[in-house]
Amino acid sequence: MIMKLQDVSIQSDTDRLILLLRHLGMKQYELAEELGYARAYVEAVINGRSPFTDSFKKRIEEYLESRQIRSEENYEELLNLSLRSINSNT
């Protein structure tokens, strides 16, 4: 019996994908474009009309990894710009 919010667990990859879209602030079609899939396929997976394949899951994971790398690179670039700005002012 579920008594607390923390007792709720996510059981399916589809539910994880829906939460991921919300977390990223993305629409289904945007994710489809980023992954290189047809928007109809992504919609069908989310609605349970197409299977959530291992290759689709792998592509999502690759996309998330690339986002992480880009975020780290952007952070480093901003940090370096800030340091250069500080150094040029001293």
PDB file of N, CA and C in Angstrom:
ATOM      1  N   MET A   1       0.846  -1.180   0.000  1.00  0.00           N
ATOM      2  CA  MET A   1       0.000   0.000   0.000  1.00  0.00           C
ATOM      3  C   MET A   1       0.892   1.244   0.000  1.00  0.00           C
ATOM      4  N   ILE A   2       0.535   2.200  -0.816  1.00  0.00           N
ATOM      5  CA  ILE A   2       1.287   3.446  -0.915  1.00  0.00           C
ATOM      6  C   ILE A   2       0.760   4.414   0.140  1.00  0.00           C
ATOM      7  N   MET A   3       1.676   4.843   1.012  1.00  0.00           N
ATOM      8  CA  MET A   3       1.302   5.762   2.083  1.00  0.00           C
ATOM      9  C   MET A   3       1.959   7.138   1.925  1.00  0.00           C
ATOM     10  N   LYS A   4       3.079   7.169   1.182  1.00  0.00           N
ATOM     11  CA  LYS A   4       3.824   8.415   1.011  1.00  0.00           C
ATOM     12  C   LYS A   4       4.221   8.557  -0.449  1.00  0.00           C
ATOM     13  N   LEU A   5       4.486   9.769  -0.848  1.00  0.00           N
ATOM     14  CA  LEU A   5       4.906  10.020  -2.221  1.00  0.00           C
ATOM     15  C   LEU A   5       6.166   9.236  -2.556  1.00  0.00           C
ATOM     16  N   GLN A   6       7.087   9.146  -1.616  1.00  0.00           N
ATOM     17  CA  GLN A   6       8.338   8.427  -1.861  1.00  0.00           C
ATOM     18  C   GLN A   6       8.123   6.935  -2.073  1.00  0.00           C
ATOM     19  N   ASP A   7       6.946   6.425  -1.735  1.00  0.00           N
ATOM     20  CA  ASP A   7       6.639   5.010  -1.946  1.00  0.00           C
ATOM     21  C   ASP A   7       6.267   4.704  -3.393  1.00  0.00           C
ATOM     22  N   VAL A   8       6.031   5.742  -4.174  1.00  0.00           N
ATOM     23  CA  VAL A   8       5.660   5.557  -5.577  1.00  0.00           C
ATOM     24  C   VAL A   8       6.927   5.289  -6.378  1.00  0.00           C
ATOM     25  N   SER A   9       6.924   4.191  -7.118  1.00  0.00           N
ATOM     26  CA  SER A   9       8.083   3.892  -7.961  1.00  0.00           C
ATOM     27  C   SER A   9       7.657   3.899  -9.427  1.00  0.00           C
ATOM     28  N   ILE A  10       8.608   4.219 -10.260  1.00  0.00           N
ATOM     29  CA  ILE A  10       8.346   4.251 -11.695  1.00  0.00           C
ATOM     30  C   ILE A  10       8.637   2.861 -12.237  1.00  0.00           C
ATOM     31  N   GLN A  11       7.659   2.274 -12.864  1.00  0.00           N
ATOM     32  CA  GLN A  11       7.770   0.889 -13.294  1.00  0.00           C
ATOM     33  C   GLN A  11       8.192   0.715 -14.746  1.00  0.00           C
ATOM     34  N   SER A  12       7.910   1.687 -15.585  1.00  0.00           N
ATOM     35  CA  SER A  12       8.147   1.461 -17.012  1.00  0.00           C
ATOM     36  C   SER A  12       9.062   2.524 -17.615  1.00  0.00           C
ATOM     37  N   ASP A  13       9.730   2.130 -18.685  1.00  0.00           N
ATOM     38  CA  ASP A  13      10.564   3.079 -19.421  1.00  0.00           C
ATOM     39  C   ASP A  13       9.716   4.194 -20.021  1.00  0.00           C
ATOM     40  N   THR A  14       8.495   3.878 -20.391  1.00  0.00           N
ATOM     41  CA  THR A  14       7.603   4.892 -20.955  1.00  0.00           C
ATOM     42  C   THR A  14       7.318   5.981 -19.925  1.00  0.00           C
ATOM     43  N   ASP A  15       7.035   5.569 -18.687  1.00  0.00           N
ATOM     44  CA  ASP A  15       6.805   6.556 -17.631  1.00  0.00           C
ATOM     45  C   ASP A  15       8.060   7.389 -17.385  1.00  0.00           C
ATOM     46  N   ARG A  16       9.222   6.748 -17.435  1.00  0.00           N
ATOM     47  CA  ARG A  16      10.483   7.479 -17.273  1.00  0.00           C
ATOM     48  C   ARG A  16      10.654   8.508 -18.397  1.00  0.00           C
ATOM     49  N   LEU A  17      10.304   8.111 -19.609  1.00  0.00           N
ATOM     50  CA  LEU A  17      10.422   9.016 -20.754  1.00  0.00           C
ATOM     51  C   LEU A  17       9.495  10.220 -20.598  1.00  0.00           C
ATOM     52  N   ILE A  18       8.287   9.995 -20.144  1.00  0.00           N
ATOM     53  CA  ILE A  18       7.341  11.090 -19.926  1.00  0.00           C
ATOM     54  C   ILE A  18       7.889  12.063 -18.883  1.00  0.00           C
ATOM     55  N   LEU A  19       8.429  11.529 -17.793  1.00  0.00           N
ATOM     56  CA  LEU A  19       9.022  12.383 -16.763  1.00  0.00           C
ATOM     57  C   LEU A  19      10.252  13.114 -17.282  1.00  0.00           C
ATOM     58  N   LEU A  20      11.042  12.433 -18.105  1.00  0.00           N
ATOM     59  CA  LEU A  20      12.222  13.058 -18.693  1.00  0.00           C
ATOM     60  C   LEU A  20      11.824  14.253 -19.560  1.00  0.00           C
ATOM     61  N   LEU A  21      10.810  14.073 -20.383  1.00  0.00           N
ATOM     62  CA  LEU A  21      10.337  15.169 -21.231  1.00  0.00           C
ATOM     63  C   LEU A  21       9.928  16.368 -20.379  1.00  0.00           C
ATOM     64  N   ARG A  22       9.217  16.102 -19.304  1.00  0.00           N
ATOM     65  CA  ARG A  22       8.806  17.199 -18.413  1.00  0.00           C
ATOM     66  C   ARG A  22      10.018  17.867 -17.783  1.00  0.00           C
ATOM     67  N   HIS A  23      10.964  17.053 -17.333  1.00  0.00           N
ATOM     68  CA  HIS A  23      12.172  17.582 -16.688  1.00  0.00           C
ATOM     69  C   HIS A  23      12.969  18.461 -17.655  1.00  0.00           C
ATOM     70  N   LEU A  24      13.072  18.019 -18.900  1.00  0.00           N
ATOM     71  CA  LEU A  24      13.828  18.767 -19.903  1.00  0.00           C
ATOM     72  C   LEU A  24      13.031  19.932 -20.487  1.00  0.00           C
ATOM     73  N   GLY A  25      11.729  19.956 -20.217  1.00  0.00           N
ATOM     74  CA  GLY A  25      10.881  21.000 -20.787  1.00  0.00           C
ATOM     75  C   GLY A  25      10.726  20.848 -22.287  1.00  0.00           C
ATOM     76  N   MET A  26      10.721  19.602 -22.752  1.00  0.00           N
ATOM     77  CA  MET A  26      10.654  19.327 -24.190  1.00  0.00           C
ATOM     78  C   MET A  26       9.297  18.764 -24.577  1.00  0.00           C
ATOM     79  N   LYS A  27       8.939  19.016 -25.804  1.00  0.00           N
ATOM     80  CA  LYS A  27       7.760  18.397 -26.410  1.00  0.00           C
ATOM     81  C   LYS A  27       8.198  17.107 -27.093  1.00  0.00           C
ATOM     82  N   GLN A  28       7.246  16.234 -27.360  1.00  0.00           N
ATOM     83  CA  GLN A  28       7.556  14.963 -28.017  1.00  0.00           C
ATOM     84  C   GLN A  28       8.255  15.183 -29.351  1.00  0.00           C
ATOM     85  N   TYR A  29       7.771  16.134 -30.132  1.00  0.00           N
ATOM     86  CA  TYR A  29       8.366  16.361 -31.450  1.00  0.00           C
ATOM     87  C   TYR A  29       9.799  16.879 -31.335  1.00  0.00           C
ATOM     88  N   GLU A  30      10.081  17.656 -30.287  1.00  0.00           N
ATOM     89  CA  GLU A  30      11.444  18.159 -30.096  1.00  0.00           C
ATOM     90  C   GLU A  30      12.405  17.013 -29.783  1.00  0.00           C
ATOM     91  N   LEU A  31      11.962  16.109 -28.932  1.00  0.00           N
ATOM     92  CA  LEU A  31      12.793  14.945 -28.624  1.00  0.00           C
ATOM     93  C   LEU A  31      13.000  14.104 -29.874  1.00  0.00           C
ATOM     94  N   ALA A  32      11.945  13.907 -30.643  1.00  0.00           N
ATOM     95  CA  ALA A  32      12.055  13.130 -31.878  1.00  0.00           C
ATOM     96  C   ALA A  32      13.108  13.736 -32.799  1.00  0.00           C
ATOM     97  N   GLU A  33      13.087  15.050 -32.951  1.00  0.00           N
ATOM     98  CA  GLU A  33      14.075  15.724 -33.798  1.00  0.00           C
ATOM     99  C   GLU A  33      15.485  15.527 -33.261  1.00  0.00           C
ATOM    100  N   GLU A  34      15.652  15.678 -31.956  1.00  0.00           N
ATOM    101  CA  GLU A  34      16.975  15.520 -31.340  1.00  0.00           C
ATOM    102  C   GLU A  34      17.509  14.098 -31.500  1.00  0.00           C
ATOM    103  N   LEU A  35      16.617  13.130 -31.434  1.00  0.00           N
ATOM    104  CA  LEU A  35      17.026  11.726 -31.517  1.00  0.00           C
ATOM    105  C   LEU A  35      17.132  11.218 -32.946  1.00  0.00           C
ATOM    106  N   GLY A  36      16.547  11.961 -33.892  1.00  0.00           N
ATOM    107  CA  GLY A  36      16.555  11.509 -35.275  1.00  0.00           C
ATOM    108  C   GLY A  36      15.476  10.478 -35.570  1.00  0.00           C
ATOM    109  N   TYR A  37      14.404  10.523 -34.791  1.00  0.00           N
ATOM    110  CA  TYR A  37      13.270   9.622 -35.002  1.00  0.00           C
ATOM    111  C   TYR A  37      12.090  10.424 -35.523  1.00  0.00           C
ATOM    112  N   ALA A  38      11.178   9.742 -36.172  1.00  0.00           N
ATOM    113  CA  ALA A  38       9.942  10.389 -36.611  1.00  0.00           C
ATOM    114  C   ALA A  38       9.115  10.742 -35.382  1.00  0.00           C
ATOM    115  N   ARG A  39       8.477  11.901 -35.437  1.00  0.00           N
ATOM    116  CA  ARG A  39       7.661  12.297 -34.285  1.00  0.00           C
ATOM    117  C   ARG A  39       6.533  11.304 -34.050  1.00  0.00           C
ATOM    118  N   ALA A  40       6.024  10.682 -35.118  1.00  0.00           N
ATOM    119  CA  ALA A  40       4.950   9.695 -34.970  1.00  0.00           C
ATOM    120  C   ALA A  40       5.426   8.480 -34.175  1.00  0.00           C
ATOM    121  N   TYR A  41       6.690   8.104 -34.361  1.00  0.00           N
ATOM    122  CA  TYR A  41       7.225   6.955 -33.619  1.00  0.00           C
ATOM    123  C   TYR A  41       7.322   7.276 -32.127  1.00  0.00           C
ATOM    124  N   VAL A  42       7.865   8.442 -31.795  1.00  0.00           N
ATOM    125  CA  VAL A  42       7.998   8.824 -30.384  1.00  0.00           C
ATOM    126  C   VAL A  42       6.618   8.890 -29.734  1.00  0.00           C
ATOM    127  N   GLU A  43       5.667   9.475 -30.425  1.00  0.00           N
ATOM    128  CA  GLU A  43       4.298   9.542 -29.914  1.00  0.00           C
ATOM    129  C   GLU A  43       3.725   8.141 -29.714  1.00  0.00           C
ATOM    130  N   ALA A  44       3.970   7.250 -30.668  1.00  0.00           N
ATOM    131  CA  ALA A  44       3.454   5.884 -30.570  1.00  0.00           C
ATOM    132  C   ALA A  44       4.079   5.131 -29.397  1.00  0.00           C
ATOM    133  N   VAL A  45       5.360   5.350 -29.147  1.00  0.00           N
ATOM    134  CA  VAL A  45       6.019   4.707 -28.003  1.00  0.00           C
ATOM    135  C   VAL A  45       5.395   5.210 -26.707  1.00  0.00           C
ATOM    136  N   ILE A  46       5.233   6.510 -26.600  1.00  0.00           N
ATOM    137  CA  ILE A  46       4.671   7.094 -25.381  1.00  0.00           C
ATOM    138  C   ILE A  46       3.238   6.638 -25.153  1.00  0.00           C
ATOM    139  N   ASN A  47       2.491   6.468 -26.225  1.00  0.00           N
ATOM    140  CA  ASN A  47       1.094   6.039 -26.103  1.00  0.00           C
ATOM    141  C   ASN A  47       0.920   4.527 -26.095  1.00  0.00           C
ATOM    142  N   GLY A  48       2.033   3.794 -26.126  1.00  0.00           N
ATOM    143  CA  GLY A  48       1.967   2.341 -26.019  1.00  0.00           C
ATOM    144  C   GLY A  48       1.608   1.615 -27.298  1.00  0.00           C
ATOM    145  N   ARG A  49       1.621   2.310 -28.426  1.00  0.00           N
ATOM    146  CA  ARG A  49       1.280   1.664 -29.696  1.00  0.00           C
ATOM    147  C   ARG A  49       2.496   1.052 -30.382  1.00  0.00           C
ATOM    148  N   SER A  50       3.692   1.472 -29.967  1.00  0.00           N
ATOM    149  CA  SER A  50       4.943   0.902 -30.494  1.00  0.00           C
ATOM    150  C   SER A  50       5.801   0.487 -29.311  1.00  0.00           C
ATOM    151  N   PRO A  51       6.620  -0.539 -29.509  1.00  0.00           N
ATOM    152  CA  PRO A  51       7.452  -1.010 -28.397  1.00  0.00           C
ATOM    153  C   PRO A  51       8.579  -0.032 -28.073  1.00  0.00           C
ATOM    154  N   PHE A  52       8.974  -0.031 -26.824  1.00  0.00           N
ATOM    155  CA  PHE A  52      10.111   0.765 -26.363  1.00  0.00           C
ATOM    156  C   PHE A  52      11.335  -0.114 -26.566  1.00  0.00           C
ATOM    157  N   THR A  53      11.976   0.032 -27.715  1.00  0.00           N
ATOM    158  CA  THR A  53      13.062  -0.874 -28.089  1.00  0.00           C
ATOM    159  C   THR A  53      14.370  -0.513 -27.388  1.00  0.00           C
ATOM    160  N   ASP A  54      15.270  -1.481 -27.352  1.00  0.00           N
ATOM    161  CA  ASP A  54      16.592  -1.245 -26.771  1.00  0.00           C
ATOM    162  C   ASP A  54      17.346  -0.167 -27.545  1.00  0.00           C
ATOM    163  N   SER A  55      17.197  -0.153 -28.872  1.00  0.00           N
ATOM    164  CA  SER A  55      17.910   0.852 -29.668  1.00  0.00           C
ATOM    165  C   SER A  55      17.366   2.258 -29.392  1.00  0.00           C
ATOM    166  N   PHE A  56      16.071   2.376 -29.168  1.00  0.00           N
ATOM    167  CA  PHE A  56      15.478   3.668 -28.826  1.00  0.00           C
ATOM    168  C   PHE A  56      15.988   4.132 -27.465  1.00  0.00           C
ATOM    169  N   LYS A  57      16.011   3.219 -26.520  1.00  0.00           N
ATOM    170  CA  LYS A  57      16.522   3.535 -25.183  1.00  0.00           C
ATOM    171  C   LYS A  57      17.992   3.958 -25.250  1.00  0.00           C
ATOM    172  N   LYS A  58      18.779   3.253 -26.047  1.00  0.00           N
ATOM    173  CA  LYS A  58      20.197   3.585 -26.190  1.00  0.00           C
ATOM    174  C   LYS A  58      20.363   4.982 -26.778  1.00  0.00           C
ATOM    175  N   ARG A  59      19.548   5.315 -27.765  1.00  0.00           N
ATOM    176  CA  ARG A  59      19.639   6.632 -28.397  1.00  0.00           C
ATOM    177  C   ARG A  59      19.295   7.740 -27.402  1.00  0.00           C
ATOM    178  N   ILE A  60      18.314   7.501 -26.550  1.00  0.00           N
ATOM    179  CA  ILE A  60      17.968   8.476 -25.512  1.00  0.00           C
ATOM    180  C   ILE A  60      19.150   8.669 -24.572  1.00  0.00           C
ATOM    181  N   GLU A  61      19.770   7.570 -24.173  1.00  0.00           N
ATOM    182  CA  GLU A  61      20.914   7.646 -23.263  1.00  0.00           C
ATOM    183  C   GLU A  61      22.084   8.386 -23.907  1.00  0.00           C
ATOM    184  N   GLU A  62      22.324   8.144 -25.196  1.00  0.00           N
ATOM    185  CA  GLU A  62      23.387   8.864 -25.913  1.00  0.00           C
ATOM    186  C   GLU A  62      23.081  10.361 -25.970  1.00  0.00           C
ATOM    187  N   TYR A  63      21.827  10.682 -26.210  1.00  0.00           N
ATOM    188  CA  TYR A  63      21.421  12.086 -26.258  1.00  0.00           C
ATOM    189  C   TYR A  63      21.650  12.761 -24.907  1.00  0.00           C
ATOM    190  N   LEU A  64      21.246  12.092 -23.829  1.00  0.00           N
ATOM    191  CA  LEU A  64      21.428  12.664 -22.495  1.00  0.00           C
ATOM    192  C   LEU A  64      22.903  12.845 -22.170  1.00  0.00           C
ATOM    193  N   GLU A  65      23.711  11.883 -22.576  1.00  0.00           N
ATOM    194  CA  GLU A  65      25.152  11.985 -22.349  1.00  0.00           C
ATOM    195  C   GLU A  65      25.729  13.180 -23.110  1.00  0.00           C
ATOM    196  N   SER A  66      25.297  13.375 -24.347  1.00  0.00           N
ATOM    197  CA  SER A  66      25.803  14.507 -25.135  1.00  0.00           C
ATOM    198  C   SER A  66      25.364  15.834 -24.526  1.00  0.00           C
ATOM    199  N   ARG A  67      24.164  15.880 -23.971  1.00  0.00           N
ATOM    200  CA  ARG A  67      23.702  17.098 -23.281  1.00  0.00           C
ATOM    201  C   ARG A  67      24.584  17.393 -22.076  1.00  0.00           C
ATOM    202  N   GLN A  68      24.958  16.352 -21.349  1.00  0.00           N
ATOM    203  CA  GLN A  68      25.803  16.519 -20.169  1.00  0.00           C
ATOM    204  C   GLN A  68      27.172  17.051 -20.569  1.00  0.00           C
ATOM    205  N   ILE A  69      27.738  16.482 -21.622  1.00  0.00           N
ATOM    206  CA  ILE A  69      29.053  16.924 -22.089  1.00  0.00           C
ATOM    207  C   ILE A  69      28.983  18.378 -22.535  1.00  0.00           C
ATOM    208  N   ARG A  70      27.940  18.736 -23.294  1.00  0.00           N
ATOM    209  CA  ARG A  70      27.786  20.123 -23.739  1.00  0.00           C
ATOM    210  C   ARG A  70      27.629  21.064 -22.551  1.00  0.00           C
ATOM    211  N   SER A  71      26.894  20.645 -21.534  1.00  0.00           N
ATOM    212  CA  SER A  71      26.711  21.479 -20.349  1.00  0.00           C
ATOM    213  C   SER A  71      28.033  21.708 -19.641  1.00  0.00           C
ATOM    214  N   GLU A  72      28.831  20.650 -19.525  1.00  0.00           N
ATOM    215  CA  GLU A  72      30.135  20.774 -18.878  1.00  0.00           C
ATOM    216  C   GLU A  72      31.057  21.684 -19.683  1.00  0.00           C
ATOM    217  N   GLU A  73      31.034  21.548 -21.010  1.00  0.00           N
ATOM    218  CA  GLU A  73      31.861  22.403 -21.861  1.00  0.00           C
ATOM    219  C   GLU A  73      31.426  23.860 -21.750  1.00  0.00           C
ATOM    220  N   ASN A  74      30.123  24.099 -21.737  1.00  0.00           N
ATOM    221  CA  ASN A  74      29.618  25.470 -21.596  1.00  0.00           C
ATOM    222  C   ASN A  74      30.019  26.057 -20.252  1.00  0.00           C
ATOM    223  N   TYR A  75      29.960  25.243 -19.198  1.00  0.00           N
ATOM    224  CA  TYR A  75      30.350  25.709 -17.873  1.00  0.00           C
ATOM    225  C   TYR A  75      31.824  26.095 -17.864  1.00  0.00           C
ATOM    226  N   GLU A  76      32.664  25.233 -18.425  1.00  0.00           N
ATOM    227  CA  GLU A  76      34.099  25.520 -18.470  1.00  0.00           C
ATOM    228  C   GLU A  76      34.379  26.788 -19.272  1.00  0.00           C
ATOM    229  N   GLU A  77      33.690  26.948 -20.383  1.00  0.00           N
ATOM    230  CA  GLU A  77      33.885  28.135 -21.215  1.00  0.00           C
ATOM    231  C   GLU A  77      33.488  29.402 -20.459  1.00  0.00           C
ATOM    232  N   LEU A  78      32.356  29.369 -19.774  1.00  0.00           N
ATOM    233  CA  LEU A  78      31.924  30.526 -18.993  1.00  0.00           C
ATOM    234  C   LEU A  78      32.890  30.818 -17.853  1.00  0.00           C
ATOM    235  N   LEU A  79      33.378  29.768 -17.216  1.00  0.00           N
ATOM    236  CA  LEU A  79      34.344  29.938 -16.135  1.00  0.00           C
ATOM    237  C   LEU A  79      35.622  30.584 -16.658  1.00  0.00           C
ATOM    238  N   ASN A  80      36.120  30.106 -17.785  1.00  0.00           N
ATOM    239  CA  ASN A  80      37.335  30.674 -18.377  1.00  0.00           C
ATOM    240  C   ASN A  80      37.136  32.136 -18.772  1.00  0.00           C
ATOM    241  N   LEU A  81      35.981  32.451 -19.346  1.00  0.00           N
ATOM    242  CA  LEU A  81      35.694  33.846 -19.701  1.00  0.00           C
ATOM    243  C   LEU A  81      35.664  34.731 -18.462  1.00  0.00           C
ATOM    244  N   SER A  82      35.065  34.225 -17.402  1.00  0.00           N
ATOM    245  CA  SER A  82      35.005  34.988 -16.154  1.00  0.00           C
ATOM    246  C   SER A  82      36.394  35.208 -15.587  1.00  0.00           C
ATOM    247  N   LEU A  83      37.212  34.164 -15.610  1.00  0.00           N
ATOM    248  CA  LEU A  83      38.572  34.284 -15.087  1.00  0.00           C
ATOM    249  C   LEU A  83      39.389  35.271 -15.911  1.00  0.00           C
ATOM    250  N   ARG A  84      39.239  35.223 -17.235  1.00  0.00           N
ATOM    251  CA  ARG A  84      39.951  36.173 -18.095  1.00  0.00           C
ATOM    252  C   ARG A  84      39.504  37.604 -17.816  1.00  0.00           C
ATOM    253  N   SER A  85      38.222  37.773 -17.601  1.00  0.00           N
ATOM    254  CA  SER A  85      37.690  39.099 -17.310  1.00  0.00           C
ATOM    255  C   SER A  85      38.242  39.620 -15.984  1.00  0.00           C
ATOM    256  N   ILE A  86      38.290  38.758 -14.998  1.00  0.00           N
ATOM    257  CA  ILE A  86      38.832  39.141 -13.689  1.00  0.00           C
ATOM    258  C   ILE A  86      40.306  39.488 -13.817  1.00  0.00           C
ATOM    259  N   ASN A  87      41.049  38.661 -14.534  1.00  0.00           N
ATOM    260  CA  ASN A  87      42.490  38.882 -14.696  1.00  0.00           C
ATOM    261  C   ASN A  87      42.789  40.154 -15.478  1.00  0.00           C
ATOM    262  N   SER A  88      41.952  40.490 -16.437  1.00  0.00           N
ATOM    263  CA  SER A  88      42.205  41.694 -17.236  1.00  0.00           C
ATOM    264  C   SER A  88      41.877  42.964 -16.456  1.00  0.00           C
ATOM    265  N   ASN A  89      41.056  42.829 -15.435  1.00  0.00           N
ATOM    266  CA  ASN A  89      40.690  43.985 -14.613  1.00  0.00           C
ATOM    267  C   ASN A  89      41.674  44.231 -13.474  1.00  0.00           C
ATOM    268  N   THR A  90      42.588  43.303 -13.250  1.00  0.00           N
ATOM    269  CA  THR A  90      43.544  43.483 -12.144  1.00  0.00           C
ATOM    270  C   THR A  90      44.883  43.939 -12.636  1.00  0.00           C
TER     271      THR A  90
END
